[in-house]
Amino acid sequence: QVQLAESGGGLVQPGGSLRLSCAASTGIFGFLVMEWYRQAPGKLREVVATVSPGSSTVYSDSVKGRFTISRDNSKSTVYLQMDSLKPDDTAVYYCSAYDVRARIRDNYWGQGTQVTVSS
């Protein structure tokens, strides 16, 4: 069982920065692929960044060069550093995880944290 808890959302002006955190309550963090998704009103949920157990990263084109995903295995925590924020980044951000060893992928989800970029 994996429980995820996001924090760090809020209101920020365009061009500003925020750092999201996701703490995982699990003994298998080292085997988890960690992801950040977001969902804006009226839009589908989309993946924005992924970090593997070995810390390889992948970003969506919409955030590449502005967002940085990282993980601290000693704290069972993943971070999303968001810089140069734009109004289009406004969304609920979700932390998600799946076990890289699993034969069938089954994502775990956090409750989400709101990020609002507005002047």
Protein backbone atom coordinates (compact mmCIF):
# COMPACT_ATOMS: atom_id res chain seq x y z
CA GLN A 1 0.00 0.00 0.00
CA VAL A 2 1.25 3.47 -0.93
CA GLN A 3 -0.14 6.70 0.45
CA LEU A 4 0.82 10.01 -1.12
CA ALA A 5 0.42 13.50 0.32
CA GLU A 6 1.10 16.64 -1.72
CA SER A 7 1.90 20.07 -0.33
CA GLY A 8 3.21 23.41 -1.52
CA GLY A 9 0.47 24.68 -3.82
CA GLY A 10 -0.85 28.21 -3.72
CA LEU A 11 -1.28 31.48 -5.55
CA VAL A 12 1.67 32.92 -7.43
CA GLN A 13 2.13 35.73 -9.93
CA PRO A 14 3.16 35.02 -13.53
CA GLY A 15 6.91 34.52 -13.71
CA GLY A 16 7.07 33.33 -10.14
CA SER A 17 8.09 30.00 -8.63
CA LEU A 18 6.61 27.30 -6.44
CA ARG A 19 7.92 24.01 -5.15
CA LEU A 20 5.54 21.11 -4.67
CA SER A 21 6.35 18.20 -2.41
CA CYS A 22 4.89 14.71 -2.28
CA ALA A 23 5.62 12.55 0.73
CA ALA A 24 5.09 8.83 0.29
CA SER A 25 4.16 6.56 3.15
CA THR A 26 5.56 3.27 1.99
CA GLY A 27 8.47 0.93 2.43
CA ILE A 28 8.97 0.49 -1.31
CA PHE A 29 9.74 4.08 -2.35
CA GLY A 30 12.96 2.96 -4.01
CA PHE A 31 10.95 0.87 -6.47
CA LEU A 32 8.41 3.55 -7.35
CA VAL A 33 8.25 5.58 -10.52
CA MET A 34 7.04 8.98 -9.33
CA GLU A 35 5.00 11.31 -11.49
CA TRP A 36 3.35 14.70 -11.34
CA TYR A 37 0.10 15.18 -13.21
CA ARG A 38 -2.10 18.22 -13.49
CA GLN A 39 -5.70 18.87 -14.40
CA ALA A 40 -7.05 22.25 -15.36
CA PRO A 41 -10.79 23.01 -15.34
CA GLY A 42 -12.49 21.45 -18.33
CA LYS A 43 -9.35 19.62 -19.43
CA LEU A 44 -8.06 16.08 -19.19
CA ARG A 45 -5.48 15.14 -16.60
CA GLU A 46 -2.00 15.23 -18.14
CA VAL A 47 1.38 14.02 -16.96
CA VAL A 48 3.94 16.81 -16.66
CA ALA A 49 7.01 15.11 -15.20
CA THR A 50 8.29 11.65 -14.33
CA VAL A 51 11.27 10.44 -12.31
CA SER A 52 12.37 6.82 -12.26
CA PRO A 53 13.80 4.96 -9.26
CA GLY A 54 17.22 5.73 -10.72
CA SER A 55 16.35 9.44 -11.05
CA SER A 56 15.99 9.54 -14.82
CA THR A 57 13.53 12.26 -15.75
CA VAL A 58 11.01 12.97 -18.49
CA TYR A 59 9.03 16.18 -19.01
CA SER A 60 6.10 17.20 -21.12
CA ASP A 61 6.87 19.74 -23.80
CA SER A 62 4.70 22.31 -22.05
CA VAL A 63 6.94 22.43 -18.94
CA LYS A 64 10.35 21.41 -20.29
CA GLY A 65 13.00 23.92 -19.25
CA ARG A 66 10.78 25.46 -16.56
CA PHE A 67 9.93 22.58 -14.20
CA THR A 68 12.33 20.22 -12.44
CA ILE A 69 11.32 16.94 -10.84
CA SER A 70 13.58 15.35 -8.24
CA ARG A 71 13.39 12.71 -5.56
CA ASP A 72 14.97 12.14 -2.17
CA ASN A 73 14.86 8.43 -1.46
CA SER A 74 16.05 8.96 2.13
CA LYS A 75 12.91 11.02 2.79
CA SER A 76 10.54 9.09 0.48
CA THR A 77 9.68 12.41 -1.10
CA VAL A 78 9.44 13.74 -4.64
CA TYR A 79 9.56 17.41 -5.55
CA LEU A 80 8.42 19.54 -8.44
CA GLN A 81 10.23 22.85 -8.73
CA MET A 82 8.18 25.13 -10.95
CA ASP A 83 9.81 28.28 -12.31
CA SER A 84 8.71 30.91 -14.83
CA LEU A 85 5.11 30.04 -14.09
CA LYS A 86 2.42 31.01 -16.58
CA PRO A 87 -1.35 31.39 -16.18
CA ASP A 88 -1.71 28.22 -18.29
CA ASP A 89 0.02 26.31 -15.49
CA THR A 90 -3.03 26.88 -13.28
CA ALA A 91 -4.38 23.46 -12.32
CA VAL A 92 -4.74 20.92 -9.57
CA TYR A 93 -1.44 19.07 -9.38
CA TYR A 94 -1.44 15.41 -8.42
CA CYS A 95 1.37 13.18 -7.30
CA SER A 96 1.22 9.63 -8.60
CA ALA A 97 3.32 6.52 -8.27
CA TYR A 98 3.57 2.99 -9.57
CA ASP A 99 5.80 0.08 -8.73
CA VAL A 100 8.34 -0.50 -11.50
CA ARG A 101 8.35 -4.23 -10.66
CA ALA A 102 4.62 -4.74 -11.12
CA ARG A 103 3.45 -6.81 -14.07
CA ILE A 104 0.28 -4.73 -14.22
CA ARG A 105 0.66 -1.02 -13.70
CA ASP A 106 -1.56 0.29 -10.91
CA ASN A 107 -1.12 3.95 -10.09
CA TYR A 108 -1.44 5.36 -6.61
CA TRP A 109 -2.68 8.96 -6.29
CA GLY A 110 -2.48 11.81 -3.87
CA GLN A 111 -5.37 14.14 -3.11
CA GLY A 112 -4.01 17.00 -5.24
CA THR A 113 -2.88 20.52 -4.52
CA GLN A 114 -4.13 23.67 -6.24
CA VAL A 115 -1.70 25.90 -8.12
CA THR A 116 -3.04 29.22 -9.34
CA VAL A 117 -0.94 31.55 -11.47
CA SER A 118 -2.54 34.97 -11.65
CA SER A 119 -1.73 38.62 -11.22
